[in-house]
Each structure stands twice: as C-alpha cells, then as structure tokens.
Amino acid sequence: MKKFIFLAGLGIGFVIGSRAGRGPYESLERTARQVADDPEVQRRAAQARDTATRVAHDTAETVKDKAPGVAAGVQEKVSSAAGAAKDRVTGEAKNEKNLAEKSADSATSGGNAEVGEDKPLGS
C-alpha cells in the first residue's frame, strides 16, 4: 500500500512538473487506469476496505463497552476534586476571617499613628 501511495505521488509530481506537453500526461493516465482496472489491485483494495470496516466496528464496540466505566471514573475524580476545592475555599475563608479578627484586635490594641501620616518609623 505504501508503494502504491508513493507511485501515485510520483505520478502526480511528474504530471504537475512535466514541461513536455500532453503526451506524458496521457501516457501516465493510461498506466494509472491499467493499474486501477487490474483485478489484483481491485481485490486488495476490497480486502483493505473490509479490514478497515471490521477494525472500525471492533473499535466502536470496545469504546461502547468501556465508555460507561470511563465516564464513572471521570465523574468520581471530578466530584473528589470539587470536594477538595470546596474544602480549600472554606479553609481559606476561615483563615481570612481569623486574620481579619486579629487585625481588628491589633488595630484597637495600641498605637497612636494615623493612616496616611508621614512619620518615619522609629521617631
């Protein structure tokens, strides 16, 4: 099959790149038709088509069988990650609340400087 693709590409390149006129093109077209009409080529093409159909069908069946299990696993991981994220957000909110309370306590606990006052520290 690789050889056929290579030869087809070679033929197309020859036709496109040819400056010799219509003669080489017609010769190449005639050869391509002879190859395409060859019973062995047609048999192998049909065999490749049947193999591809069978593999596609088998793959579809496998995906159909395994999809529910994969979906359940993904759903479990998403639920777990969502729970962890919720716990993390709740924990961060508690930490922020504690920091705010500590900040409020320290603001009322002393110091006579006002916000925006331009005094150097330590004077």
C-alpha atoms as a PDB file:
ATOM      1  CA  MET A   1       0.000   0.000   0.000  1.00  0.00           C
ATOM      2  CA  LYS A   2       2.874   2.374   0.820  1.00  0.00           C
ATOM      3  CA  LYS A   3       4.407   1.571  -2.538  1.00  0.00           C
ATOM      4  CA  PHE A   4       1.147   2.404  -4.316  1.00  0.00           C
ATOM      5  CA  ILE A   5       0.870   5.750  -2.492  1.00  0.00           C
ATOM      6  CA  PHE A   6       4.479   6.531  -3.345  1.00  0.00           C
ATOM      7  CA  LEU A   7       3.926   5.698  -7.011  1.00  0.00           C
ATOM      8  CA  ALA A   8       0.731   7.760  -7.114  1.00  0.00           C
ATOM      9  CA  GLY A   9       2.583  10.728  -5.605  1.00  0.00           C
ATOM     10  CA  LEU A  10       5.427  10.236  -8.027  1.00  0.00           C
ATOM     11  CA  GLY A  11       2.988  10.191 -10.940  1.00  0.00           C
ATOM     12  CA  ILE A  12       1.202  13.324  -9.762  1.00  0.00           C
ATOM     13  CA  GLY A  13       4.510  15.095  -9.317  1.00  0.00           C
ATOM     14  CA  PHE A  14       5.589  14.049 -12.775  1.00  0.00           C
ATOM     15  CA  VAL A  15       2.386  15.349 -14.354  1.00  0.00           C
ATOM     16  CA  ILE A  16       2.495  18.645 -12.495  1.00  0.00           C
ATOM     17  CA  GLY A  17       6.188  19.152 -13.084  1.00  0.00           C
ATOM     18  CA  SER A  18       6.263  17.978 -16.664  1.00  0.00           C
ATOM     19  CA  ARG A  19       7.012  20.536 -19.346  1.00  0.00           C
ATOM     20  CA  ALA A  20       6.953  18.011 -22.158  1.00  0.00           C
ATOM     21  CA  GLY A  21       3.299  18.570 -23.015  1.00  0.00           C
ATOM     22  CA  ARG A  22       0.213  16.389 -23.117  1.00  0.00           C
ATOM     23  CA  GLY A  23       1.922  13.163 -24.256  1.00  0.00           C
ATOM     24  CA  PRO A  24       3.496  12.176 -20.909  1.00  0.00           C
ATOM     25  CA  TYR A  25       0.265  13.070 -19.122  1.00  0.00           C
ATOM     26  CA  GLU A  26      -1.819  10.809 -21.359  1.00  0.00           C
ATOM     27  CA  SER A  27       0.725   8.009 -21.015  1.00  0.00           C
ATOM     28  CA  LEU A  28       0.641   8.292 -17.238  1.00  0.00           C
ATOM     29  CA  GLU A  29      -3.167   8.428 -17.215  1.00  0.00           C
ATOM     30  CA  ARG A  30      -3.317   5.275 -19.354  1.00  0.00           C
ATOM     31  CA  THR A  31      -0.932   3.469 -16.994  1.00  0.00           C
ATOM     32  CA  ALA A  32      -2.925   4.600 -13.944  1.00  0.00           C
ATOM     33  CA  ARG A  33      -6.154   3.291 -15.479  1.00  0.00           C
ATOM     34  CA  GLN A  34      -4.500  -0.060 -16.251  1.00  0.00           C
ATOM     35  CA  VAL A  35      -3.318  -0.338 -12.633  1.00  0.00           C
ATOM     36  CA  ALA A  36      -6.719   0.674 -11.241  1.00  0.00           C
ATOM     37  CA  ASP A  37      -8.511  -1.839 -13.502  1.00  0.00           C
ATOM     38  CA  ASP A  38      -6.162  -4.679 -12.569  1.00  0.00           C
ATOM     39  CA  PRO A  39      -8.171  -7.408 -10.777  1.00  0.00           C
ATOM     40  CA  GLU A  40      -5.412  -7.959  -8.213  1.00  0.00           C
ATOM     41  CA  VAL A  41      -5.394  -4.258  -7.288  1.00  0.00           C
ATOM     42  CA  GLN A  42      -9.180  -4.273  -7.009  1.00  0.00           C
ATOM     43  CA  ARG A  43      -9.081  -7.420  -4.842  1.00  0.00           C
ATOM     44  CA  ARG A  44      -6.513  -5.886  -2.496  1.00  0.00           C
ATOM     45  CA  ALA A  45      -8.443  -2.611  -2.317  1.00  0.00           C
ATOM     46  CA  ALA A  46     -11.607  -4.520  -1.383  1.00  0.00           C
ATOM     47  CA  GLN A  47      -9.638  -6.517   1.191  1.00  0.00           C
ATOM     48  CA  ALA A  48      -8.243  -3.285   2.712  1.00  0.00           C
ATOM     49  CA  ARG A  49     -11.742  -1.759   2.758  1.00  0.00           C
ATOM     50  CA  ASP A  50     -13.164  -4.851   4.528  1.00  0.00           C
ATOM     51  CA  THR A  51     -10.333  -4.855   7.070  1.00  0.00           C
ATOM     52  CA  ALA A  52     -10.815  -1.151   7.790  1.00  0.00           C
ATOM     53  CA  THR A  53     -14.572  -1.672   8.242  1.00  0.00           C
ATOM     54  CA  ARG A  54     -14.018  -4.592  10.609  1.00  0.00           C
ATOM     55  CA  VAL A  55     -11.434  -2.720  12.681  1.00  0.00           C
ATOM     56  CA  ALA A  56     -13.681   0.344  12.874  1.00  0.00           C
ATOM     57  CA  HIS A  57     -16.604  -1.810  14.010  1.00  0.00           C
ATOM     58  CA  ASP A  58     -14.485  -3.601  16.647  1.00  0.00           C
ATOM     59  CA  THR A  59     -13.128  -0.293  17.911  1.00  0.00           C
ATOM     60  CA  ALA A  60     -16.631   1.191  18.138  1.00  0.00           C
ATOM     61  CA  GLU A  61     -17.816  -1.838  20.130  1.00  0.00           C
ATOM     62  CA  THR A  62     -14.866  -1.585  22.514  1.00  0.00           C
ATOM     63  CA  VAL A  63     -15.476   2.125  23.074  1.00  0.00           C
ATOM     64  CA  LYS A  64     -19.183   1.474  23.601  1.00  0.00           C
ATOM     65  CA  ASP A  65     -18.399  -1.203  26.208  1.00  0.00           C
ATOM     66  CA  LYS A  66     -15.791   0.824  28.104  1.00  0.00           C
ATOM     67  CA  ALA A  67     -17.356   4.291  27.918  1.00  0.00           C
ATOM     68  CA  PRO A  68     -19.675   3.943  30.963  1.00  0.00           C
ATOM     69  CA  GLY A  69     -16.796   2.838  33.181  1.00  0.00           C
ATOM     70  CA  VAL A  70     -14.560   5.645  31.993  1.00  0.00           C
ATOM     71  CA  ALA A  71     -17.361   8.171  32.480  1.00  0.00           C
ATOM     72  CA  ALA A  72     -17.969   6.924  36.026  1.00  0.00           C
ATOM     73  CA  GLY A  73     -14.262   7.226  36.823  1.00  0.00           C
ATOM     74  CA  VAL A  74     -14.128  10.755  35.462  1.00  0.00           C
ATOM     75  CA  GLN A  75     -17.249  11.716  37.398  1.00  0.00           C
ATOM     76  CA  GLU A  76     -15.708  10.326  40.598  1.00  0.00           C
ATOM     77  CA  LYS A  77     -12.491  12.287  40.068  1.00  0.00           C
ATOM     78  CA  VAL A  78     -14.384  15.495  39.297  1.00  0.00           C
ATOM     79  CA  SER A  79     -16.542  15.071  42.415  1.00  0.00           C
ATOM     80  CA  SER A  80     -13.443  14.429  44.502  1.00  0.00           C
ATOM     81  CA  ALA A  81     -11.660  17.454  43.068  1.00  0.00           C
ATOM     82  CA  ALA A  82     -14.743  19.628  43.593  1.00  0.00           C
ATOM     83  CA  GLY A  83     -14.953  18.498  47.229  1.00  0.00           C
ATOM     84  CA  ALA A  84     -11.270  19.250  47.771  1.00  0.00           C
ATOM     85  CA  ALA A  85     -11.655  22.670  46.170  1.00  0.00           C
ATOM     86  CA  LYS A  86     -14.677  23.414  48.367  1.00  0.00           C
ATOM     87  CA  ASP A  87     -12.737  22.376  51.478  1.00  0.00           C
ATOM     88  CA  ARG A  88      -9.815  24.544  50.408  1.00  0.00           C
ATOM     89  CA  VAL A  89     -12.054  27.572  49.797  1.00  0.00           C
ATOM     90  CA  THR A  90     -13.819  27.063  53.126  1.00  0.00           C
ATOM     91  CA  GLY A  91     -10.452  26.795  54.890  1.00  0.00           C
ATOM     92  CA  GLU A  92      -9.167  29.944  53.185  1.00  0.00           C
ATOM     93  CA  ALA A  93     -12.319  31.819  54.174  1.00  0.00           C
ATOM     94  CA  LYS A  94     -11.837  30.768  57.801  1.00  0.00           C
ATOM     95  CA  ASN A  95      -8.187  31.882  57.669  1.00  0.00           C
ATOM     96  CA  GLU A  96      -9.191  35.258  56.222  1.00  0.00           C
ATOM     97  CA  LYS A  97     -11.808  35.672  58.948  1.00  0.00           C
ATOM     98  CA  ASN A  98      -9.239  34.861  61.633  1.00  0.00           C
ATOM     99  CA  LEU A  99      -6.748  37.293  60.094  1.00  0.00           C
ATOM    100  CA  ALA A 100      -9.399  39.998  59.941  1.00  0.00           C
ATOM    101  CA  GLU A 101     -10.251  39.437  63.609  1.00  0.00           C
ATOM    102  CA  LYS A 102      -6.579  39.556  64.607  1.00  0.00           C
ATOM    103  CA  SER A 103      -6.080  42.685  62.530  1.00  0.00           C
ATOM    104  CA  ALA A 104      -9.071  44.336  64.189  1.00  0.00           C
ATOM    105  CA  ASP A 105      -7.742  43.349  67.626  1.00  0.00           C
ATOM    106  CA  SER A 106      -4.273  44.745  66.906  1.00  0.00           C
ATOM    107  CA  ALA A 107      -5.712  47.975  65.473  1.00  0.00           C
ATOM    108  CA  THR A 108      -7.582  48.633  68.694  1.00  0.00           C
ATOM    109  CA  SER A 109      -4.819  47.434  70.974  1.00  0.00           C
ATOM    110  CA  GLY A 110      -2.487  50.362  70.672  1.00  0.00           C
ATOM    111  CA  GLY A 111      -0.516  52.813  68.630  1.00  0.00           C
ATOM    112  CA  ASN A 112      -1.263  56.447  68.111  1.00  0.00           C
ATOM    113  CA  ALA A 113      -0.276  56.809  64.470  1.00  0.00           C
ATOM    114  CA  GLU A 114      -2.970  57.541  61.948  1.00  0.00           C
ATOM    115  CA  VAL A 115      -3.232  56.073  58.484  1.00  0.00           C
ATOM    116  CA  GLY A 116      -1.518  58.294  55.954  1.00  0.00           C
ATOM    117  CA  GLU A 117       0.708  60.047  58.493  1.00  0.00           C
ATOM    118  CA  ASP A 118       4.166  60.706  57.067  1.00  0.00           C
ATOM    119  CA  LYS A 119       6.277  59.999  60.121  1.00  0.00           C
ATOM    120  CA  PRO A 120       9.395  57.910  59.764  1.00  0.00           C
ATOM    121  CA  LEU A 121       9.420  54.704  61.706  1.00  0.00           C
ATOM    122  CA  GLY A 122      11.232  54.830  64.976  1.00  0.00           C
ATOM    123  CA  SER A 123      10.859  58.592  65.593  1.00  0.00           C
END
